[in-house]
PDB file of N, CA and C in Angstrom:
ATOM      1  N   UNK A   1      10.910  -0.772   3.442  1.00  0.00           N
ATOM      2  CA  UNK A   1       9.853  -1.675   3.879  1.00  0.00           C
ATOM      3  C   UNK A   1       9.608  -1.489   5.366  1.00  0.00           C
ATOM      4  N   UNK A   2       8.359  -1.602   5.736  1.00  0.00           N
ATOM      5  CA  UNK A   2       8.004  -1.628   7.144  1.00  0.00           C
ATOM      6  C   UNK A   2       8.217  -3.058   7.637  1.00  0.00           C
ATOM      7  N   UNK A   3       9.039  -3.213   8.677  1.00  0.00           N
ATOM      8  CA  UNK A   3       9.300  -4.556   9.181  1.00  0.00           C
ATOM      9  C   UNK A   3       9.053  -4.689  10.670  1.00  0.00           C
ATOM     10  N   UNK A   4       9.255  -3.632  11.417  1.00  0.00           N
ATOM     11  CA  UNK A   4       9.109  -3.693  12.868  1.00  0.00           C
ATOM     12  C   UNK A   4       7.637  -3.661  13.273  1.00  0.00           C
ATOM     13  N   UNK A   5       7.318  -4.400  14.316  1.00  0.00           N
ATOM     14  CA  UNK A   5       5.943  -4.433  14.819  1.00  0.00           C
ATOM     15  C   UNK A   5       5.488  -3.042  15.247  1.00  0.00           C
ATOM     16  N   UNK A   6       6.394  -2.236  15.761  1.00  0.00           N
ATOM     17  CA  UNK A   6       6.040  -0.885  16.197  1.00  0.00           C
ATOM     18  C   UNK A   6       5.573  -0.027  15.025  1.00  0.00           C
ATOM     19  N   UNK A   7       6.149  -0.247  13.849  1.00  0.00           N
ATOM     20  CA  UNK A   7       5.728   0.511  12.665  1.00  0.00           C
ATOM     21  C   UNK A   7       4.302   0.154  12.274  1.00  0.00           C
ATOM     22  N   UNK A   8       3.964  -1.135  12.313  1.00  0.00           N
ATOM     23  CA  UNK A   8       2.611  -1.569  11.985  1.00  0.00           C
ATOM     24  C   UNK A   8       1.616  -1.072  13.033  1.00  0.00           C
ATOM     25  N   UNK A   9       2.018  -1.084  14.301  1.00  0.00           N
ATOM     26  CA  UNK A   9       1.156  -0.606  15.378  1.00  0.00           C
ATOM     27  C   UNK A   9       0.896   0.894  15.239  1.00  0.00           C
ATOM     28  N   UNK A  10       1.913   1.639  14.856  1.00  0.00           N
ATOM     29  CA  UNK A  10       1.757   3.090  14.694  1.00  0.00           C
ATOM     30  C   UNK A  10       0.755   3.421  13.593  1.00  0.00           C
ATOM     31  N   UNK A  11       0.642   2.554  12.607  1.00  0.00           N
ATOM     32  CA  UNK A  11      -0.300   2.795  11.518  1.00  0.00           C
ATOM     33  C   UNK A  11      -1.710   2.306  11.828  1.00  0.00           C
ATOM     34  N   UNK A  12      -1.903   1.658  12.973  1.00  0.00           N
ATOM     35  CA  UNK A  12      -3.223   1.113  13.319  1.00  0.00           C
ATOM     36  C   UNK A  12      -4.274   2.207  13.456  1.00  0.00           C
ATOM     37  N   UNK A  13      -3.873   3.379  13.893  1.00  0.00           N
ATOM     38  CA  UNK A  13      -4.823   4.477  14.074  1.00  0.00           C
ATOM     39  C   UNK A  13      -4.702   5.535  12.983  1.00  0.00           C
ATOM     40  N   UNK A  14      -3.904   5.249  11.967  1.00  0.00           N
ATOM     41  CA  UNK A  14      -3.698   6.210  10.879  1.00  0.00           C
ATOM     42  C   UNK A  14      -4.931   6.286   9.990  1.00  0.00           C
ATOM     43  N   UNK A  15      -5.056   7.366   9.232  1.00  0.00           N
ATOM     44  CA  UNK A  15      -6.184   7.466   8.288  1.00  0.00           C
ATOM     45  C   UNK A  15      -6.138   6.323   7.281  1.00  0.00           C
ATOM     46  N   UNK A  16      -7.313   5.948   6.774  1.00  0.00           N
ATOM     47  CA  UNK A  16      -7.351   4.837   5.828  1.00  0.00           C
ATOM     48  C   UNK A  16      -8.256   5.156   4.653  1.00  0.00           C
ATOM     49  N   UNK A  17      -7.959   4.476   3.568  1.00  0.00           N
ATOM     50  CA  UNK A  17      -8.738   4.545   2.346  1.00  0.00           C
ATOM     51  C   UNK A  17      -8.824   3.119   1.835  1.00  0.00           C
ATOM     52  N   UNK A  18     -10.005   2.713   1.349  1.00  0.00           N
ATOM     53  CA  UNK A  18     -10.112   1.329   0.896  1.00  0.00           C
ATOM     54  C   UNK A  18     -10.953   1.204  -0.370  1.00  0.00           C
ATOM     55  N   UNK A  19     -10.715   0.103  -1.042  1.00  0.00           N
ATOM     56  CA  UNK A  19     -11.476  -0.317  -2.204  1.00  0.00           C
ATOM     57  C   UNK A  19     -11.868  -1.769  -1.947  1.00  0.00           C
ATOM     58  N   UNK A  20     -12.692  -2.370  -2.777  1.00  0.00           N
ATOM     59  CA  UNK A  20     -13.035  -3.784  -2.570  1.00  0.00           C
ATOM     60  C   UNK A  20     -11.836  -4.730  -2.702  1.00  0.00           C
ATOM     61  N   UNK A  21     -10.776  -4.301  -3.389  1.00  0.00           N
ATOM     62  CA  UNK A  21      -9.620  -5.175  -3.610  1.00  0.00           C
ATOM     63  C   UNK A  21      -8.560  -5.006  -2.529  1.00  0.00           C
ATOM     64  N   UNK A  22      -8.316  -3.772  -2.099  1.00  0.00           N
ATOM     65  CA  UNK A  22      -7.323  -3.530  -1.053  1.00  0.00           C
ATOM     66  C   UNK A  22      -7.593  -2.215  -0.363  1.00  0.00           C
ATOM     67  N   UNK A  23      -6.913  -2.011   0.753  1.00  0.00           N
ATOM     68  CA  UNK A  23      -7.031  -0.778   1.500  1.00  0.00           C
ATOM     69  C   UNK A  23      -5.650  -0.324   1.924  1.00  0.00           C
ATOM     70  N   UNK A  24      -5.529   0.960   2.237  1.00  0.00           N
ATOM     71  CA  UNK A  24      -4.246   1.466   2.720  1.00  0.00           C
ATOM     72  C   UNK A  24      -4.465   2.280   3.987  1.00  0.00           C
ATOM     73  N   UNK A  25      -3.477   2.262   4.832  1.00  0.00           N
ATOM     74  CA  UNK A  25      -3.352   3.180   5.965  1.00  0.00           C
ATOM     75  C   UNK A  25      -2.057   3.935   5.718  1.00  0.00           C
ATOM     76  N   UNK A  26      -2.062   5.213   6.006  1.00  0.00           N
ATOM     77  CA  UNK A  26      -0.890   6.011   5.661  1.00  0.00           C
ATOM     78  C   UNK A  26      -0.605   7.041   6.747  1.00  0.00           C
ATOM     79  N   UNK A  27       0.670   7.413   6.782  1.00  0.00           N
ATOM     80  CA  UNK A  27       1.120   8.419   7.742  1.00  0.00           C
ATOM     81  C   UNK A  27       2.244   9.197   7.078  1.00  0.00           C
ATOM     82  N   UNK A  28       2.139  10.501   7.103  1.00  0.00           N
ATOM     83  CA  UNK A  28       3.215  11.346   6.594  1.00  0.00           C
ATOM     84  C   UNK A  28       3.867  12.032   7.776  1.00  0.00           C
ATOM     85  N   UNK A  29       5.173  11.934   7.841  1.00  0.00           N
ATOM     86  CA  UNK A  29       5.915  12.536   8.943  1.00  0.00           C
ATOM     87  C   UNK A  29       6.331  13.950   8.567  1.00  0.00           C
ATOM     88  N   UNK A  30       6.655  14.734   9.582  1.00  0.00           N
ATOM     89  CA  UNK A  30       7.155  16.081   9.336  1.00  0.00           C
ATOM     90  C   UNK A  30       8.501  15.968   8.605  1.00  0.00           C
ATOM     91  N   UNK A  31       8.817  16.890   7.695  1.00  0.00           N
ATOM     92  CA  UNK A  31      10.054  16.782   6.915  1.00  0.00           C
ATOM     93  C   UNK A  31      11.321  16.650   7.764  1.00  0.00           C
ATOM     94  N   UNK A  32      11.366  17.306   8.919  1.00  0.00           N
ATOM     95  CA  UNK A  32      12.568  17.252   9.750  1.00  0.00           C
ATOM     96  C   UNK A  32      12.739  15.893  10.418  1.00  0.00           C
ATOM     97  N   UNK A  33      11.631  15.204  10.699  1.00  0.00           N
ATOM     98  CA  UNK A  33      11.719  13.933  11.421  1.00  0.00           C
ATOM     99  C   UNK A  33      11.510  12.728  10.521  1.00  0.00           C
ATOM    100  N   UNK A  34      11.291  12.961   9.246  1.00  0.00           N
ATOM    101  CA  UNK A  34      10.941  11.851   8.367  1.00  0.00           C
ATOM    102  C   UNK A  34      12.168  11.090   7.883  1.00  0.00           C
ATOM    103  N   UNK A  35      11.924   9.848   7.575  1.00  0.00           N
ATOM    104  CA  UNK A  35      12.945   9.032   6.930  1.00  0.00           C
ATOM    105  C   UNK A  35      13.083   9.528   5.491  1.00  0.00           C
ATOM    106  N   UNK A  36      14.248   9.378   4.873  1.00  0.00           N
ATOM    107  CA  UNK A  36      14.434   9.915   3.526  1.00  0.00           C
ATOM    108  C   UNK A  36      13.727   9.122   2.429  1.00  0.00           C
ATOM    109  N   UNK A  37      13.080   8.036   2.786  1.00  0.00           N
ATOM    110  CA  UNK A  37      12.458   7.208   1.762  1.00  0.00           C
ATOM    111  C   UNK A  37      11.007   6.901   2.112  1.00  0.00           C
ATOM    112  N   UNK A  38      10.311   6.443   1.114  1.00  0.00           N
ATOM    113  CA  UNK A  38       8.953   5.932   1.284  1.00  0.00           C
ATOM    114  C   UNK A  38       9.058   4.533   1.874  1.00  0.00           C
ATOM    115  N   UNK A  39       8.277   4.247   2.918  1.00  0.00           N
ATOM    116  CA  UNK A  39       8.299   2.916   3.521  1.00  0.00           C
ATOM    117  C   UNK A  39       6.942   2.270   3.310  1.00  0.00           C
ATOM    118  N   UNK A  40       6.963   1.022   2.839  1.00  0.00           N
ATOM    119  CA  UNK A  40       5.755   0.289   2.493  1.00  0.00           C
ATOM    120  C   UNK A  40       5.683  -0.991   3.302  1.00  0.00           C
ATOM    121  N   UNK A  41       4.483  -1.350   3.746  1.00  0.00           N
ATOM    122  CA  UNK A  41       4.222  -2.640   4.362  1.00  0.00           C
ATOM    123  C   UNK A  41       3.017  -3.264   3.670  1.00  0.00           C
ATOM    124  N   UNK A  42       3.040  -4.574   3.508  1.00  0.00           N
ATOM    125  CA  UNK A  42       1.929  -5.275   2.873  1.00  0.00           C
ATOM    126  C   UNK A  42       1.443  -6.346   3.825  1.00  0.00           C
ATOM    127  N   UNK A  43       0.164  -6.294   4.177  1.00  0.00           N
ATOM    128  CA  UNK A  43      -0.435  -7.262   5.088  1.00  0.00           C
ATOM    129  C   UNK A  43      -1.446  -8.104   4.319  1.00  0.00           C
ATOM    130  N   UNK A  44      -1.160  -9.392   4.242  1.00  0.00           N
ATOM    131  CA  UNK A  44      -2.057 -10.329   3.554  1.00  0.00           C
ATOM    132  C   UNK A  44      -2.287 -11.507   4.493  1.00  0.00           C
ATOM    133  N   UNK A  45      -3.493 -11.624   5.012  1.00  0.00           N
ATOM    134  CA  UNK A  45      -3.784 -12.685   5.965  1.00  0.00           C
ATOM    135  C   UNK A  45      -4.012 -14.012   5.260  1.00  0.00           C
ATOM    136  N   UNK A  46      -4.130 -15.060   6.041  1.00  0.00           N
ATOM    137  CA  UNK A  46      -4.359 -16.395   5.485  1.00  0.00           C
ATOM    138  C   UNK A  46      -5.753 -16.527   4.865  1.00  0.00           C
ATOM    139  N   UNK A  47      -6.629 -15.572   5.119  1.00  0.00           N
ATOM    140  CA  UNK A  47      -7.952 -15.578   4.495  1.00  0.00           C
ATOM    141  C   UNK A  47      -7.840 -15.379   2.981  1.00  0.00           C
ATOM    142  N   UNK A  48      -6.746 -14.776   2.543  1.00  0.00           N
ATOM    143  CA  UNK A  48      -6.538 -14.492   1.131  1.00  0.00           C
ATOM    144  C   UNK A  48      -6.290 -15.781   0.359  1.00  0.00           C
ATOM    145  N   UNK A  49      -5.556 -16.699   0.942  1.00  0.00           N
ATOM    146  CA  UNK A  49      -5.213 -17.950   0.276  1.00  0.00           C
ATOM    147  C   UNK A  49      -3.959 -18.538   0.877  1.00  0.00           C
ATOM    148  N   UNK A  50      -3.388 -19.497   0.195  1.00  0.00           N
ATOM    149  CA  UNK A  50      -2.181 -20.125   0.716  1.00  0.00           C
ATOM    150  C   UNK A  50      -0.968 -19.211   0.510  1.00  0.00           C
ATOM    151  N   UNK A  51       0.198 -19.664   0.946  1.00  0.00           N
ATOM    152  CA  UNK A  51       1.400 -18.837   0.893  1.00  0.00           C
ATOM    153  C   UNK A  51       1.767 -18.442  -0.537  1.00  0.00           C
ATOM    154  N   UNK A  52       1.554 -19.341  -1.468  1.00  0.00           N
ATOM    155  CA  UNK A  52       1.864 -19.041  -2.865  1.00  0.00           C
ATOM    156  C   UNK A  52       1.014 -17.877  -3.365  1.00  0.00           C
ATOM    157  N   UNK A  53      -0.259 -17.906  -3.055  1.00  0.00           N
ATOM    158  CA  UNK A  53      -1.180 -16.841  -3.480  1.00  0.00           C
ATOM    159  C   UNK A  53      -0.811 -15.517  -2.820  1.00  0.00           C
ATOM    160  N   UNK A  54      -0.576 -15.536  -1.515  1.00  0.00           N
ATOM    161  CA  UNK A  54      -0.231 -14.301  -0.798  1.00  0.00           C
ATOM    162  C   UNK A  54       1.070 -13.699  -1.318  1.00  0.00           C
ATOM    163  N   UNK A  55       2.073 -14.523  -1.547  1.00  0.00           N
ATOM    164  CA  UNK A  55       3.353 -14.009  -2.037  1.00  0.00           C
ATOM    165  C   UNK A  55       3.250 -13.508  -3.467  1.00  0.00           C
ATOM    166  N   UNK A  56       2.416 -14.128  -4.286  1.00  0.00           N
ATOM    167  CA  UNK A  56       2.204 -13.649  -5.656  1.00  0.00           C
ATOM    168  C   UNK A  56       1.598 -12.241  -5.623  1.00  0.00           C
ATOM    169  N   UNK A  57       0.628 -12.043  -4.757  1.00  0.00           N
ATOM    170  CA  UNK A  57       0.007 -10.715  -4.632  1.00  0.00           C
ATOM    171  C   UNK A  57       1.035  -9.702  -4.154  1.00  0.00           C
ATOM    172  N   UNK A  58       1.841 -10.066  -3.168  1.00  0.00           N
ATOM    173  CA  UNK A  58       2.875  -9.150  -2.667  1.00  0.00           C
ATOM    174  C   UNK A  58       3.855  -8.761  -3.775  1.00  0.00           C
ATOM    175  N   UNK A  59       4.310  -9.734  -4.553  1.00  0.00           N
ATOM    176  CA  UNK A  59       5.247  -9.437  -5.643  1.00  0.00           C
ATOM    177  C   UNK A  59       4.615  -8.504  -6.678  1.00  0.00           C
ATOM    178  N   UNK A  60       3.363  -8.743  -7.009  1.00  0.00           N
ATOM    179  CA  UNK A  60       2.684  -7.891  -7.976  1.00  0.00           C
ATOM    180  C   UNK A  60       2.524  -6.476  -7.439  1.00  0.00           C
ATOM    181  N   UNK A  61       2.168  -6.341  -6.162  1.00  0.00           N
ATOM    182  CA  UNK A  61       2.022  -5.013  -5.563  1.00  0.00           C
ATOM    183  C   UNK A  61       3.357  -4.287  -5.491  1.00  0.00           C
ATOM    184  N   UNK A  62       4.430  -4.993  -5.148  1.00  0.00           N
ATOM    185  CA  UNK A  62       5.747  -4.353  -5.099  1.00  0.00           C
ATOM    186  C   UNK A  62       6.162  -3.850  -6.469  1.00  0.00           C
ATOM    187  N   UNK A  63       5.857  -4.600  -7.498  1.00  0.00           N
ATOM    188  CA  UNK A  63       6.175  -4.181  -8.857  1.00  0.00           C
ATOM    189  C   UNK A  63       5.411  -2.908  -9.225  1.00  0.00           C
ATOM    190  N   UNK A  64       4.154  -2.862  -8.879  1.00  0.00           N
ATOM    191  CA  UNK A  64       3.333  -1.675  -9.146  1.00  0.00           C
ATOM    192  C   UNK A  64       3.846  -0.485  -8.344  1.00  0.00           C
ATOM    193  N   UNK A  65       4.239  -0.729  -7.102  1.00  0.00           N
ATOM    194  CA  UNK A  65       4.720   0.353  -6.244  1.00  0.00           C
ATOM    195  C   UNK A  65       6.037   0.948  -6.737  1.00  0.00           C
ATOM    196  N   UNK A  66       6.863   0.153  -7.360  1.00  0.00           N
ATOM    197  CA  UNK A  66       8.125   0.681  -7.896  1.00  0.00           C
ATOM    198  C   UNK A  66       7.858   1.803  -8.889  1.00  0.00           C
ATOM    199  N   UNK A  67       6.793   1.675  -9.654  1.00  0.00           N
ATOM    200  CA  UNK A  67       6.452   2.693 -10.638  1.00  0.00           C
ATOM    201  C   UNK A  67       5.778   3.907  -9.991  1.00  0.00           C
ATOM    202  N   UNK A  68       4.960   3.670  -8.967  1.00  0.00           N
ATOM    203  CA  UNK A  68       4.217   4.762  -8.349  1.00  0.00           C
ATOM    204  C   UNK A  68       5.005   5.493  -7.263  1.00  0.00           C
ATOM    205  N   UNK A  69       6.048   4.880  -6.742  1.00  0.00           N
ATOM    206  CA  UNK A  69       6.770   5.431  -5.590  1.00  0.00           C
ATOM    207  C   UNK A  69       7.403   6.787  -5.870  1.00  0.00           C
ATOM    208  N   UNK A  70       7.781   7.033  -7.087  1.00  0.00           N
ATOM    209  CA  UNK A  70       8.415   8.313  -7.418  1.00  0.00           C
ATOM    210  C   UNK A  70       7.482   9.497  -7.181  1.00  0.00           C
ATOM    211  N   UNK A  71       6.182   9.252  -7.208  1.00  0.00           N
ATOM    212  CA  UNK A  71       5.204  10.329  -7.040  1.00  0.00           C
ATOM    213  C   UNK A  71       4.811  10.568  -5.591  1.00  0.00           C
ATOM    214  N   UNK A  72       5.185   9.663  -4.691  1.00  0.00           N
ATOM    215  CA  UNK A  72       4.810   9.785  -3.281  1.00  0.00           C
ATOM    216  C   UNK A  72       5.913  10.531  -2.534  1.00  0.00           C
ATOM    217  N   UNK A  73       5.526  11.418  -1.629  1.00  0.00           N
ATOM    218  CA  UNK A  73       6.488  12.217  -0.881  1.00  0.00           C
ATOM    219  C   UNK A  73       7.368  11.338   0.009  1.00  0.00           C
ATOM    220  N   UNK A  74       8.669  11.638   0.084  1.00  0.00           N
ATOM    221  CA  UNK A  74       9.548  10.890   0.986  1.00  0.00           C
ATOM    222  C   UNK A  74       9.091  11.057   2.431  1.00  0.00           C
ATOM    223  N   UNK A  75       9.317  10.043   3.239  1.00  0.00           N
ATOM    224  CA  UNK A  75       8.923  10.101   4.638  1.00  0.00           C
ATOM    225  C   UNK A  75       7.523   9.604   4.893  1.00  0.00           C
ATOM    226  N   UNK A  76       6.867   9.086   3.877  1.00  0.00           N
ATOM    227  CA  UNK A  76       5.512   8.568   4.024  1.00  0.00           C
ATOM    228  C   UNK A  76       5.570   7.076   4.324  1.00  0.00           C
ATOM    229  N   UNK A  77       4.756   6.646   5.286  1.00  0.00           N
ATOM    230  CA  UNK A  77       4.597   5.228   5.595  1.00  0.00           C
ATOM    231  C   UNK A  77       3.236   4.788   5.076  1.00  0.00           C
ATOM    232  N   UNK A  78       3.203   3.689   4.334  1.00  0.00           N
ATOM    233  CA  UNK A  78       1.958   3.179   3.765  1.00  0.00           C
ATOM    234  C   UNK A  78       1.850   1.697   4.098  1.00  0.00           C
ATOM    235  N   UNK A  79       0.727   1.303   4.671  1.00  0.00           N
ATOM    236  CA  UNK A  79       0.433  -0.100   4.931  1.00  0.00           C
ATOM    237  C   UNK A  79      -0.697  -0.517   4.015  1.00  0.00           C
ATOM    238  N   UNK A  80      -0.434  -1.509   3.170  1.00  0.00           N
ATOM    239  CA  UNK A  80      -1.438  -1.999   2.228  1.00  0.00           C
ATOM    240  C   UNK A  80      -2.057  -3.255   2.812  1.00  0.00           C
ATOM    241  N   UNK A  81      -3.373  -3.238   2.983  1.00  0.00           N
ATOM    242  CA  UNK A  81      -4.119  -4.402   3.465  1.00  0.00           C
ATOM    243  C   UNK A  81      -4.796  -5.057   2.275  1.00  0.00           C
ATOM    244  N   UNK A  82      -4.419  -6.296   2.028  1.00  0.00           N
ATOM    245  CA  UNK A  82      -4.945  -7.027   0.888  1.00  0.00           C
ATOM    246  C   UNK A  82      -6.269  -7.670   1.273  1.00  0.00           C
ATOM    247  N   UNK A  83      -7.257  -7.541   0.418  1.00  0.00           N
ATOM    248  CA  UNK A  83      -8.563  -8.157   0.646  1.00  0.00           C
ATOM    249  C   UNK A  83      -8.688  -9.416  -0.213  1.00  0.00           C
ATOM    250  N   UNK A  84      -9.680 -10.229   0.080  1.00  0.00           N
ATOM    251  CA  UNK A  84      -9.853 -11.526  -0.582  1.00  0.00           C
ATOM    252  C   UNK A  84     -10.024 -11.385  -2.094  1.00  0.00           C
ATOM    253  N   UNK A  85     -10.622 -10.301  -2.553  1.00  0.00           N
ATOM    254  CA  UNK A  85     -10.842 -10.104  -3.989  1.00  0.00           C
ATOM    255  C   UNK A  85      -9.530  -9.975  -4.757  1.00  0.00           C
ATOM    256  N   UNK A  86      -8.440  -9.647  -4.074  1.00  0.00           N
ATOM    257  CA  UNK A  86      -7.150  -9.487  -4.736  1.00  0.00           C
ATOM    258  C   UNK A  86      -6.588 -10.817  -5.225  1.00  0.00           C
ATOM    259  N   UNK A  87      -7.030 -11.924  -4.647  1.00  0.00           N
ATOM    260  CA  UNK A  87      -6.511 -13.239  -5.027  1.00  0.00           C
ATOM    261  C   UNK A  87      -6.821 -13.571  -6.480  1.00  0.00           C
ATOM    262  N   UNK A  88      -7.935 -13.083  -6.982  1.00  0.00           N
ATOM    263  CA  UNK A  88      -8.319 -13.374  -8.362  1.00  0.00           C
ATOM    264  C   UNK A  88      -8.223 -12.144  -9.267  1.00  0.00           C
ATOM    265  N   UNK A  89      -7.745 -11.036  -8.729  1.00  0.00           N
ATOM    266  CA  UNK A  89      -7.673  -9.795  -9.501  1.00  0.00           C
ATOM    267  C   UNK A  89      -6.474  -9.809 -10.445  1.00  0.00           C
ATOM    268  N   UNK A  90      -6.644  -9.165 -11.582  1.00  0.00           N
ATOM    269  CA  UNK A  90      -5.546  -9.033 -12.537  1.00  0.00           C
ATOM    270  C   UNK A  90      -4.588  -7.942 -12.058  1.00  0.00           C
ATOM    271  N   UNK A  91      -3.430  -7.873 -12.680  1.00  0.00           N
ATOM    272  CA  UNK A  91      -2.467  -6.829 -12.330  1.00  0.00           C
ATOM    273  C   UNK A  91      -3.034  -5.445 -12.624  1.00  0.00           C
ATOM    274  N   UNK A  92      -3.797  -5.331 -13.693  1.00  0.00           N
ATOM    275  CA  UNK A  92      -4.412  -4.041 -14.029  1.00  0.00           C
ATOM    276  C   UNK A  92      -5.411  -3.615 -12.966  1.00  0.00           C
ATOM    277  N   UNK A  93      -6.156  -4.576 -12.435  1.00  0.00           N
ATOM    278  CA  UNK A  93      -7.122  -4.268 -11.371  1.00  0.00           C
ATOM    279  C   UNK A  93      -6.391  -3.854 -10.101  1.00  0.00           C
ATOM    280  N   UNK A  94      -5.311  -4.557  -9.758  1.00  0.00           N
ATOM    281  CA  UNK A  94      -4.525  -4.185  -8.577  1.00  0.00           C
ATOM    282  C   UNK A  94      -3.935  -2.790  -8.735  1.00  0.00           C
ATOM    283  N   UNK A  95      -3.408  -2.503  -9.934  1.00  0.00           N
ATOM    284  CA  UNK A  95      -2.827  -1.180 -10.182  1.00  0.00           C
ATOM    285  C   UNK A  95      -3.887  -0.090 -10.050  1.00  0.00           C
ATOM    286  N   UNK A  96      -5.071  -0.325 -10.619  1.00  0.00           N
ATOM    287  CA  UNK A  96      -6.143   0.667 -10.544  1.00  0.00           C
ATOM    288  C   UNK A  96      -6.590   0.882  -9.105  1.00  0.00           C
ATOM    289  N   UNK A  97      -6.710  -0.194  -8.335  1.00  0.00           N
ATOM    290  CA  UNK A  97      -7.147  -0.079  -6.942  1.00  0.00           C
ATOM    291  C   UNK A  97      -6.114   0.655  -6.101  1.00  0.00           C
ATOM    292  N   UNK A  98      -4.836   0.324  -6.284  1.00  0.00           N
ATOM    293  CA  UNK A  98      -3.790   0.988  -5.513  1.00  0.00           C
ATOM    294  C   UNK A  98      -3.676   2.453  -5.898  1.00  0.00           C
ATOM    295  N   UNK A  99      -3.755   2.743  -7.178  1.00  0.00           N
ATOM    296  CA  UNK A  99      -3.711   4.133  -7.632  1.00  0.00           C
ATOM    297  C   UNK A  99      -4.891   4.922  -7.081  1.00  0.00           C
ATOM    298  N   UNK A 100      -6.077   4.315  -7.104  1.00  0.00           N
ATOM    299  CA  UNK A 100      -7.261   4.992  -6.557  1.00  0.00           C
ATOM    300  C   UNK A 100      -7.085   5.302  -5.079  1.00  0.00           C
ATOM    301  N   UNK A 101      -6.561   4.357  -4.324  1.00  0.00           N
ATOM    302  CA  UNK A 101      -6.347   4.581  -2.888  1.00  0.00           C
ATOM    303  C   UNK A 101      -5.345   5.706  -2.654  1.00  0.00           C
ATOM    304  N   UNK A 102      -4.245   5.703  -3.401  1.00  0.00           N
ATOM    305  CA  UNK A 102      -3.223   6.738  -3.216  1.00  0.00           C
ATOM    306  C   UNK A 102      -3.730   8.113  -3.629  1.00  0.00           C
ATOM    307  N   UNK A 103      -4.542   8.179  -4.669  1.00  0.00           N
ATOM    308  CA  UNK A 103      -5.118   9.455  -5.102  1.00  0.00           C
ATOM    309  C   UNK A 103      -6.120   9.955  -4.062  1.00  0.00           C
ATOM    310  N   UNK A 104      -6.994   9.067  -3.586  1.00  0.00           N
ATOM    311  CA  UNK A 104      -7.983   9.465  -2.587  1.00  0.00           C
ATOM    312  C   UNK A 104      -7.335   9.898  -1.276  1.00  0.00           C
ATOM    313  N   UNK A 105      -6.170   9.324  -0.960  1.00  0.00           N
ATOM    314  CA  UNK A 105      -5.436   9.720   0.241  1.00  0.00           C
ATOM    315  C   UNK A 105      -4.599  10.971   0.002  1.00  0.00           C
ATOM    316  N   UNK A 106      -4.606  11.467  -1.219  1.00  0.00           N
ATOM    317  CA  UNK A 106      -3.854  12.645  -1.645  1.00  0.00           C
ATOM    318  C   UNK A 106      -2.354  12.444  -1.467  1.00  0.00           C
ATOM    319  N   UNK A 107      -1.893  11.213  -1.703  1.00  0.00           N
ATOM    320  CA  UNK A 107      -0.473  10.912  -1.643  1.00  0.00           C
ATOM    321  C   UNK A 107       0.197  11.034  -3.007  1.00  0.00           C
ATOM    322  N   UNK A 108      -0.591  10.908  -4.076  1.00  0.00           N
ATOM    323  CA  UNK A 108      -0.105  11.136  -5.435  1.00  0.00           C
ATOM    324  C   UNK A 108      -1.100  12.029  -6.154  1.00  0.00           C
ATOM    325  N   UNK A 109      -0.660  12.752  -7.175  1.00  0.00           N
ATOM    326  CA  UNK A 109      -1.608  13.591  -7.916  1.00  0.00           C
ATOM    327  C   UNK A 109      -2.581  12.739  -8.707  1.00  0.00           C
ATOM    328  N   UNK A 110      -3.674  13.321  -9.112  1.00  0.00           N
ATOM    329  CA  UNK A 110      -4.694  12.626  -9.885  1.00  0.00           C
ATOM    330  C   UNK A 110      -4.093  12.124 -11.185  1.00  0.00           C
ATOM    331  N   UNK A 111      -4.341  10.860 -11.485  1.00  0.00           N
ATOM    332  CA  UNK A 111      -3.816  10.246 -12.694  1.00  0.00           C
ATOM    333  C   UNK A 111      -4.911  10.252 -13.744  1.00  0.00           C
ATOM    334  N   UNK A 112      -4.581  10.717 -14.929  1.00  0.00           N
ATOM    335  CA  UNK A 112      -5.552  10.728 -16.023  1.00  0.00           C
ATOM    336  C   UNK A 112      -5.355   9.484 -16.871  1.00  0.00           C
ATOM    337  N   UNK A 113      -6.453   8.836 -17.205  1.00  0.00           N
ATOM    338  CA  UNK A 113      -6.361   7.605 -17.995  1.00  0.00           C
ATOM    339  C   UNK A 113      -6.432   7.886 -19.466  1.00  0.00           C
TER     340      UNK A 113
END
């Protein structure tokens, strides 16, 4: 998980991909300098809803990421920005949006439905 403010700041200028439900910023480090794991951060502002709503979205995204993480290269940092539409989105919609973002960022191979 991304926890330090410096990690979030470093991703502020990183490339981004977005959908109406969420967006991602990502950074891949060189293999020699990279951390051995995928690091994820989730940013959900108070515009999304109350704490219960924001934490529900975070839990759902973490569950989806557990399945997709095996396909992402180690040493990649990903910051997921949650948009207001995610508050009412189903898990299938969140999964489709996150998968689309990761495919468009070329972090995972194209998924066939």
